[in-house]
């Protein structure tokens, strides 16, 4: 397979994994370190099984890894810079939104919230 085809296919698969809001939220929640399913469930406000399914896909694509401690399983980002990359990607949203001002305010609040979480660790 020619290198360009291989690389673009892999990149498309990677971006496909990131194409769900809950998986992006999980990545952002893991930016500060390990979390278990229960804490992710509380942060995202979705079912335990929903969190587990998203984590399974993220794990299958090697974006997150797990660590077992007794009966609990803790998840962390394999490459923490992924969360930073997603935050930086918000600049593409600012330019193309139909309701630009509302989105800019939401992005500003989100960046501040995620930065505050990062600074707390």
N, C-alpha and C. Protein backbone atom coordinates (compact mmCIF):
# COMPACT_ATOMS: atom_id res chain seq x y z
N UNK A 1 0.86 -1.17 0.00
CA UNK A 1 0.00 0.00 0.00
C UNK A 1 0.90 1.24 0.00
N UNK A 2 0.68 2.18 -0.90
CA UNK A 2 1.49 3.40 -0.92
C UNK A 2 1.37 4.16 0.41
N UNK A 3 2.44 4.81 0.77
CA UNK A 3 2.52 5.44 2.09
C UNK A 3 1.43 6.48 2.32
N UNK A 4 1.09 7.27 1.32
CA UNK A 4 0.06 8.30 1.52
C UNK A 4 -1.30 7.68 1.81
N UNK A 5 -1.62 6.61 1.13
CA UNK A 5 -2.89 5.94 1.36
C UNK A 5 -2.93 5.34 2.75
N UNK A 6 -1.85 4.70 3.15
CA UNK A 6 -1.77 4.10 4.48
C UNK A 6 -1.92 5.17 5.57
N UNK A 7 -1.17 6.25 5.45
CA UNK A 7 -1.21 7.30 6.47
C UNK A 7 -2.57 7.97 6.53
N UNK A 8 -3.17 8.29 5.38
CA UNK A 8 -4.48 8.96 5.41
C UNK A 8 -5.56 8.04 5.94
N UNK A 9 -5.46 6.74 5.67
CA UNK A 9 -6.42 5.80 6.23
C UNK A 9 -6.30 5.75 7.74
N UNK A 10 -5.09 5.65 8.24
CA UNK A 10 -4.87 5.62 9.69
C UNK A 10 -5.34 6.91 10.35
N UNK A 11 -5.07 8.03 9.71
CA UNK A 11 -5.51 9.32 10.26
C UNK A 11 -7.03 9.42 10.28
N UNK A 12 -7.68 8.95 9.23
CA UNK A 12 -9.14 8.95 9.19
C UNK A 12 -9.72 8.07 10.30
N UNK A 13 -9.12 6.90 10.53
CA UNK A 13 -9.56 6.02 11.62
C UNK A 13 -9.39 6.71 12.97
N UNK A 14 -8.26 7.36 13.16
CA UNK A 14 -7.97 8.07 14.40
C UNK A 14 -9.00 9.17 14.64
N UNK A 15 -9.26 9.98 13.61
CA UNK A 15 -10.24 11.06 13.75
C UNK A 15 -11.65 10.51 13.95
N UNK A 16 -11.92 9.35 13.37
CA UNK A 16 -13.22 8.71 13.57
C UNK A 16 -13.45 8.34 15.03
N UNK A 17 -12.41 7.89 15.69
CA UNK A 17 -12.52 7.55 17.12
C UNK A 17 -12.83 8.80 17.92
N UNK A 18 -12.29 9.93 17.51
CA UNK A 18 -12.52 11.19 18.22
C UNK A 18 -13.83 11.86 17.83
N UNK A 19 -14.60 11.24 16.95
CA UNK A 19 -15.77 11.91 16.40
C UNK A 19 -17.03 11.79 17.26
N UNK A 20 -16.87 11.55 18.53
CA UNK A 20 -18.02 11.48 19.43
C UNK A 20 -17.77 12.40 20.62
N UNK A 21 -18.78 13.18 20.96
CA UNK A 21 -18.63 14.17 22.04
C UNK A 21 -18.23 13.54 23.37
N UNK A 22 -18.79 12.38 23.70
CA UNK A 22 -18.45 11.74 24.98
C UNK A 22 -16.99 11.29 25.01
N UNK A 23 -16.48 10.81 23.88
CA UNK A 23 -15.07 10.39 23.86
C UNK A 23 -14.14 11.59 23.99
N UNK A 24 -14.50 12.70 23.38
CA UNK A 24 -13.70 13.93 23.57
C UNK A 24 -13.75 14.36 25.02
N UNK A 25 -14.92 14.30 25.63
CA UNK A 25 -15.04 14.66 27.05
C UNK A 25 -14.20 13.73 27.93
N UNK A 26 -14.19 12.44 27.62
CA UNK A 26 -13.38 11.49 28.39
C UNK A 26 -11.91 11.87 28.28
N UNK A 27 -11.46 12.17 27.08
CA UNK A 27 -10.06 12.57 26.90
C UNK A 27 -9.75 13.81 27.71
N UNK A 28 -10.66 14.77 27.71
CA UNK A 28 -10.44 15.99 28.48
C UNK A 28 -10.47 15.71 29.99
N UNK A 29 -11.32 14.81 30.42
CA UNK A 29 -11.36 14.45 31.84
C UNK A 29 -10.07 13.74 32.27
N UNK A 30 -9.46 13.01 31.34
CA UNK A 30 -8.23 12.28 31.66
C UNK A 30 -6.98 13.16 31.52
N UNK A 31 -7.16 14.39 31.09
CA UNK A 31 -6.00 15.28 30.92
C UNK A 31 -5.24 15.49 32.23
N UNK A 32 -5.93 15.40 33.35
CA UNK A 32 -5.29 15.66 34.63
C UNK A 32 -4.77 14.41 35.31
N UNK A 33 -5.01 13.25 34.69
CA UNK A 33 -4.50 12.02 35.28
C UNK A 33 -5.54 10.91 35.25
N UNK A 34 -5.31 9.92 36.05
CA UNK A 34 -6.15 8.73 36.05
C UNK A 34 -7.54 9.00 36.61
N UNK A 35 -8.50 8.28 36.04
CA UNK A 35 -9.88 8.32 36.53
C UNK A 35 -10.46 6.93 36.38
N UNK A 36 -11.40 6.60 37.26
CA UNK A 36 -12.10 5.34 37.11
C UNK A 36 -13.44 5.57 36.42
N UNK A 37 -14.13 4.50 36.08
CA UNK A 37 -15.38 4.61 35.34
C UNK A 37 -16.41 5.41 36.14
N UNK A 38 -16.48 5.18 37.44
CA UNK A 38 -17.48 5.89 38.25
C UNK A 38 -17.27 7.40 38.22
N UNK A 39 -16.04 7.85 38.33
CA UNK A 39 -15.80 9.30 38.32
C UNK A 39 -16.05 9.88 36.93
N UNK A 40 -15.75 9.10 35.89
CA UNK A 40 -16.05 9.56 34.53
C UNK A 40 -17.56 9.61 34.30
N UNK A 41 -18.27 8.63 34.83
CA UNK A 41 -19.72 8.61 34.70
C UNK A 41 -20.32 9.85 35.36
N UNK A 42 -19.84 10.18 36.53
CA UNK A 42 -20.33 11.36 37.24
C UNK A 42 -20.02 12.64 36.46
N UNK A 43 -18.82 12.74 35.93
CA UNK A 43 -18.41 13.94 35.19
C UNK A 43 -19.19 14.11 33.89
N UNK A 44 -19.46 13.00 33.19
CA UNK A 44 -20.13 13.07 31.89
C UNK A 44 -21.65 13.03 31.99
N UNK A 45 -22.16 12.48 33.08
CA UNK A 45 -23.60 12.38 33.24
C UNK A 45 -24.24 11.36 32.31
N UNK A 46 -23.50 10.29 32.01
CA UNK A 46 -24.05 9.21 31.19
C UNK A 46 -23.95 7.90 31.97
N UNK A 47 -24.52 6.85 31.42
CA UNK A 47 -24.56 5.57 32.13
C UNK A 47 -23.17 4.95 32.27
N UNK A 48 -23.07 4.08 33.25
CA UNK A 48 -21.82 3.34 33.49
C UNK A 48 -21.45 2.54 32.25
N UNK A 49 -22.43 1.87 31.66
CA UNK A 49 -22.14 1.07 30.46
C UNK A 49 -21.75 1.95 29.28
N UNK A 50 -22.33 3.14 29.19
CA UNK A 50 -21.94 4.08 28.12
C UNK A 50 -20.49 4.50 28.24
N UNK A 51 -20.07 4.84 29.46
CA UNK A 51 -18.67 5.19 29.69
C UNK A 51 -17.77 4.02 29.35
N UNK A 52 -18.15 2.82 29.79
CA UNK A 52 -17.34 1.63 29.53
C UNK A 52 -17.20 1.36 28.03
N UNK A 53 -18.27 1.55 27.28
CA UNK A 53 -18.21 1.32 25.84
C UNK A 53 -17.27 2.32 25.15
N UNK A 54 -17.35 3.59 25.56
CA UNK A 54 -16.45 4.59 24.97
C UNK A 54 -15.00 4.30 25.35
N UNK A 55 -14.77 3.92 26.59
CA UNK A 55 -13.42 3.58 27.03
C UNK A 55 -12.88 2.37 26.27
N UNK A 56 -13.75 1.40 26.00
CA UNK A 56 -13.34 0.21 25.26
C UNK A 56 -12.83 0.61 23.86
N UNK A 57 -13.54 1.51 23.21
CA UNK A 57 -13.11 1.95 21.89
C UNK A 57 -11.82 2.75 21.96
N UNK A 58 -11.71 3.65 22.94
CA UNK A 58 -10.48 4.43 23.11
C UNK A 58 -9.30 3.51 23.44
N UNK A 59 -9.55 2.49 24.22
CA UNK A 59 -8.49 1.52 24.57
C UNK A 59 -8.10 0.70 23.35
N UNK A 60 -9.09 0.28 22.55
CA UNK A 60 -8.81 -0.52 21.37
C UNK A 60 -7.95 0.24 20.36
N UNK A 61 -8.08 1.55 20.35
CA UNK A 61 -7.28 2.38 19.44
C UNK A 61 -6.05 2.96 20.14
N UNK A 62 -5.76 2.42 21.30
CA UNK A 62 -4.55 2.76 22.07
C UNK A 62 -4.45 4.25 22.43
N UNK A 63 -5.59 4.88 22.66
CA UNK A 63 -5.58 6.28 23.10
C UNK A 63 -5.56 6.35 24.63
N UNK A 64 -6.14 5.34 25.27
CA UNK A 64 -6.09 5.26 26.73
C UNK A 64 -5.53 3.90 27.13
N UNK A 65 -5.02 3.86 28.33
CA UNK A 65 -4.53 2.62 28.91
C UNK A 65 -5.16 2.47 30.29
N UNK A 66 -5.12 1.27 30.80
CA UNK A 66 -5.74 1.02 32.10
C UNK A 66 -4.71 0.50 33.09
N UNK A 67 -5.04 0.71 34.35
CA UNK A 67 -4.23 0.19 35.45
C UNK A 67 -5.21 -0.36 36.47
N UNK A 68 -5.00 -1.59 36.85
CA UNK A 68 -5.88 -2.22 37.84
C UNK A 68 -5.28 -2.09 39.23
N UNK A 69 -6.18 -1.75 40.15
CA UNK A 69 -5.78 -1.70 41.56
C UNK A 69 -6.90 -2.38 42.34
N UNK A 70 -6.66 -3.62 42.69
CA UNK A 70 -7.71 -4.41 43.32
C UNK A 70 -8.84 -4.63 42.33
N UNK A 71 -10.04 -4.24 42.73
CA UNK A 71 -11.21 -4.41 41.86
C UNK A 71 -11.47 -3.19 41.00
N UNK A 72 -10.72 -2.14 41.21
CA UNK A 72 -10.94 -0.89 40.45
C UNK A 72 -9.99 -0.83 39.26
N UNK A 73 -10.49 -0.21 38.20
CA UNK A 73 -9.69 -0.01 37.00
C UNK A 73 -9.59 1.49 36.76
N UNK A 74 -8.38 1.97 36.62
CA UNK A 74 -8.13 3.38 36.38
C UNK A 74 -7.61 3.55 34.96
N UNK A 75 -8.10 4.60 34.32
CA UNK A 75 -7.72 4.87 32.93
C UNK A 75 -6.91 6.15 32.87
N UNK A 76 -5.97 6.19 31.91
CA UNK A 76 -5.17 7.39 31.67
C UNK A 76 -4.87 7.49 30.18
N UNK A 77 -4.53 8.70 29.76
CA UNK A 77 -4.16 8.91 28.36
C UNK A 77 -2.78 8.35 28.10
N UNK A 78 -2.62 7.65 27.01
CA UNK A 78 -1.29 7.16 26.63
C UNK A 78 -0.41 8.32 26.20
N UNK A 79 -1.01 9.30 25.55
CA UNK A 79 -0.29 10.49 25.10
C UNK A 79 -1.06 11.72 25.58
N UNK A 80 -0.71 12.25 26.75
CA UNK A 80 -1.45 13.37 27.33
C UNK A 80 -1.54 14.60 26.43
N UNK A 81 -0.61 14.75 25.49
CA UNK A 81 -0.67 15.91 24.61
C UNK A 81 -1.89 15.86 23.70
N UNK A 82 -2.58 14.73 23.62
CA UNK A 82 -3.81 14.64 22.84
C UNK A 82 -4.86 15.62 23.37
N UNK A 83 -4.97 15.73 24.69
CA UNK A 83 -5.94 16.66 25.29
C UNK A 83 -5.58 18.11 24.92
N UNK A 84 -4.31 18.43 24.93
CA UNK A 84 -3.86 19.76 24.54
C UNK A 84 -4.18 20.02 23.08
N UNK A 85 -3.94 19.04 22.25
CA UNK A 85 -4.22 19.16 20.82
C UNK A 85 -5.70 19.44 20.58
N UNK A 86 -6.58 18.76 21.31
CA UNK A 86 -8.01 18.98 21.15
C UNK A 86 -8.40 20.40 21.58
N UNK A 87 -7.80 20.87 22.65
CA UNK A 87 -8.08 22.24 23.09
C UNK A 87 -7.63 23.24 22.04
N UNK A 88 -6.47 23.01 21.47
CA UNK A 88 -5.97 23.91 20.43
C UNK A 88 -6.83 23.84 19.17
N UNK A 89 -7.45 22.70 18.91
CA UNK A 89 -8.29 22.53 17.73
C UNK A 89 -9.55 23.38 17.78
N UNK A 90 -9.89 23.90 18.95
CA UNK A 90 -11.07 24.74 19.07
C UNK A 90 -10.98 25.99 18.20
N UNK A 91 -9.78 26.42 17.85
CA UNK A 91 -9.64 27.61 17.02
C UNK A 91 -10.32 27.41 15.66
N UNK A 92 -10.39 26.17 15.17
CA UNK A 92 -11.06 25.92 13.90
C UNK A 92 -12.56 26.12 14.02
N UNK A 93 -13.11 25.91 15.20
CA UNK A 93 -14.54 26.10 15.41
C UNK A 93 -14.91 27.58 15.43
N UNK A 94 -14.04 28.38 15.97
CA UNK A 94 -14.33 29.81 16.11
C UNK A 94 -14.56 30.47 14.76
N UNK A 95 -13.87 30.04 13.75
CA UNK A 95 -13.95 30.68 12.44
C UNK A 95 -15.18 30.27 11.64
N UNK A 96 -15.69 29.08 11.84
CA UNK A 96 -16.70 28.54 10.94
C UNK A 96 -18.10 28.42 11.52
N UNK A 97 -18.31 28.85 12.72
CA UNK A 97 -19.60 28.66 13.36
C UNK A 97 -20.65 29.65 12.84
N UNK A 98 -21.90 29.18 12.74
CA UNK A 98 -22.99 30.07 12.35
C UNK A 98 -23.27 31.08 13.45
N UNK A 99 -23.22 30.64 14.67
CA UNK A 99 -23.45 31.53 15.81
C UNK A 99 -22.11 31.73 16.51
N UNK A 100 -21.26 32.47 15.86
CA UNK A 100 -19.86 32.61 16.26
C UNK A 100 -19.72 33.13 17.68
N UNK A 101 -20.46 34.15 18.03
CA UNK A 101 -20.28 34.78 19.35
C UNK A 101 -20.63 33.81 20.48
N UNK A 102 -21.72 33.09 20.33
CA UNK A 102 -22.12 32.12 21.36
C UNK A 102 -21.07 31.02 21.48
N UNK A 103 -20.57 30.55 20.35
CA UNK A 103 -19.55 29.50 20.38
C UNK A 103 -18.25 30.03 20.98
N UNK A 104 -17.86 31.24 20.64
CA UNK A 104 -16.63 31.81 21.22
C UNK A 104 -16.72 31.88 22.74
N UNK A 105 -17.87 32.28 23.25
CA UNK A 105 -18.05 32.34 24.71
C UNK A 105 -17.95 30.93 25.31
N UNK A 106 -18.57 29.97 24.65
CA UNK A 106 -18.52 28.59 25.14
C UNK A 106 -17.10 28.05 25.10
N UNK A 107 -16.37 28.34 24.03
CA UNK A 107 -14.97 27.89 23.93
C UNK A 107 -14.13 28.54 25.01
N UNK A 108 -14.33 29.83 25.24
CA UNK A 108 -13.57 30.53 26.28
C UNK A 108 -13.82 29.90 27.65
N UNK A 109 -15.08 29.62 27.97
CA UNK A 109 -15.41 28.99 29.25
C UNK A 109 -14.82 27.58 29.35
N UNK A 110 -14.88 26.84 28.25
CA UNK A 110 -14.36 25.47 28.25
C UNK A 110 -12.85 25.47 28.42
N UNK A 111 -12.16 26.35 27.69
CA UNK A 111 -10.70 26.44 27.85
C UNK A 111 -10.34 26.78 29.29
N UNK A 112 -11.06 27.73 29.87
CA UNK A 112 -10.77 28.13 31.25
C UNK A 112 -11.02 26.98 32.22
N UNK A 113 -12.10 26.25 31.99
CA UNK A 113 -12.42 25.12 32.88
C UNK A 113 -11.37 24.03 32.76
N UNK A 114 -10.98 23.70 31.53
CA UNK A 114 -9.99 22.65 31.34
C UNK A 114 -8.62 23.10 31.82
N UNK A 115 -8.30 24.38 31.66
CA UNK A 115 -7.02 24.89 32.14
C UNK A 115 -7.00 24.86 33.66
N UNK A 116 -8.12 25.22 34.29
CA UNK A 116 -8.19 25.20 35.76
C UNK A 116 -8.00 23.79 36.28
N UNK A 117 -8.55 22.81 35.59
CA UNK A 117 -8.40 21.41 36.01
C UNK A 117 -6.94 21.00 35.87
N UNK A 118 -6.28 21.44 34.81
CA UNK A 118 -4.88 21.11 34.60
C UNK A 118 -3.99 21.75 35.66
N UNK A 119 -4.31 23.00 36.02
CA UNK A 119 -3.50 23.72 36.99
C UNK A 119 -3.65 23.15 38.39
N UNK A 120 -4.78 22.51 38.66
CA UNK A 120 -5.05 21.98 39.99
C UNK A 120 -4.21 20.75 40.31
N UNK A 121 -3.69 20.12 39.27
CA UNK A 121 -2.91 18.89 39.53
C UNK A 121 -1.46 19.17 39.72
